[in-house]
Amino acid sequence: MTPPTEGPGPGRPARPRATGSPRPARAPRPAGADGSSPRPRPAAPREKPRPAGPRVSRPAVPTGLASSAARFQRRAQDVRRRPVRLVAYAAGALLVVGLLVWVVAFSPLLAVRTVEVVGVPSSEVAPIRALARVPLGQPLARVDQDLVAARVAERATVADVSIERSWPGTLVIHASPRVPFLVVKNPQGQLKVVDAEGVAYAQVSAAPKGVPTVNAASEAALSRDALAAAVSVVKVLPVGVQHRVGNVTVSSANLVTLKLGKTTVIWGGVGEPERKLAIMTALLRSSPKVIDVSAPDTPVTR
């Protein structure tokens, strides 16, 4: 049999409280060592109220063997999809390249619309454009630049030519005209203009102003080598000596003669022009009738 517990219970009266004496007050806290009042205790931090509403449960993160299986499955899917992606990328790249090739090389979007000729007098533009024979409407990328340049170079008045594509539809022909250096008079009395390279490129009725005239003793004197020999003589002569030259005659590539006052100078060919000039200048002081510097190692006067 369990002993009865203290305290009120059924069938047992409650213990009466003592009411005679008041409850003793708490003793004040002792002051600090310096006599200051004791510091109050810091208030406990309040908790932030949670937002109302149902709680959202986070999905469970697979761990261990389940996590490894999920990663393996994702990698397997990536491996299976990789060839499909590569094929798609390659097909897209080929489509873009094919479209670009069609636009540049076959479509009328970038076709030749105009042909410009620059670098020559206006009188040369139409003949050069006719020689180029570039059809309008041809794709600019498919124009054979070397072929067009070769056609234009057939014109004797053109010294140099280059072709440029100016997108979207202009072909530019850069041509450099030949510059007259001397005029050669053939045995029939016709005048032909010769440039600094010894190329006779045009026939004129009168020599251009300031251009010296050279006489050709025969048709052989009109060859490229013979004219180059005549050019070499005119090039090396100083301006002061050129005004004294009365006549320059070309007989062949190895025989050019000129008249300086009363002295005939047998120049020879194109070799050693500066040395020949120095020897001729020194020998002219004695005013001989003939000076032969065709072989500058053994000059002759008489």
Foldseek 3Di string as FASTA:
>chain_A
DDDDDDADDPPDDGDDDDDPDDDDDDDADDADPVRHRDDDDDDDDDDDDDDDDDDDDDDDDDDDPVNVVVVVVVVVVCVVCVVVVVVVVVVVVVVVVVVVCCCQQPDLQQWADEEAEDADDPVCGVVLVVQLPDDTSHRPVPDDFVSSQVSSVVQLQWDHWGWDDDPRHYIYIYTHGFDFAAWEQEPVRWIFTAGLQQRGHDTDPDDPPPHYYAYEPHPQCSDSLNSNFVSLQVVQDDPVQVVQWDYWYGDHQFWIWTDRPQAIETQTHNPPNNLLVVVVVVVCVVVFNYWYCSPVVDIDTD
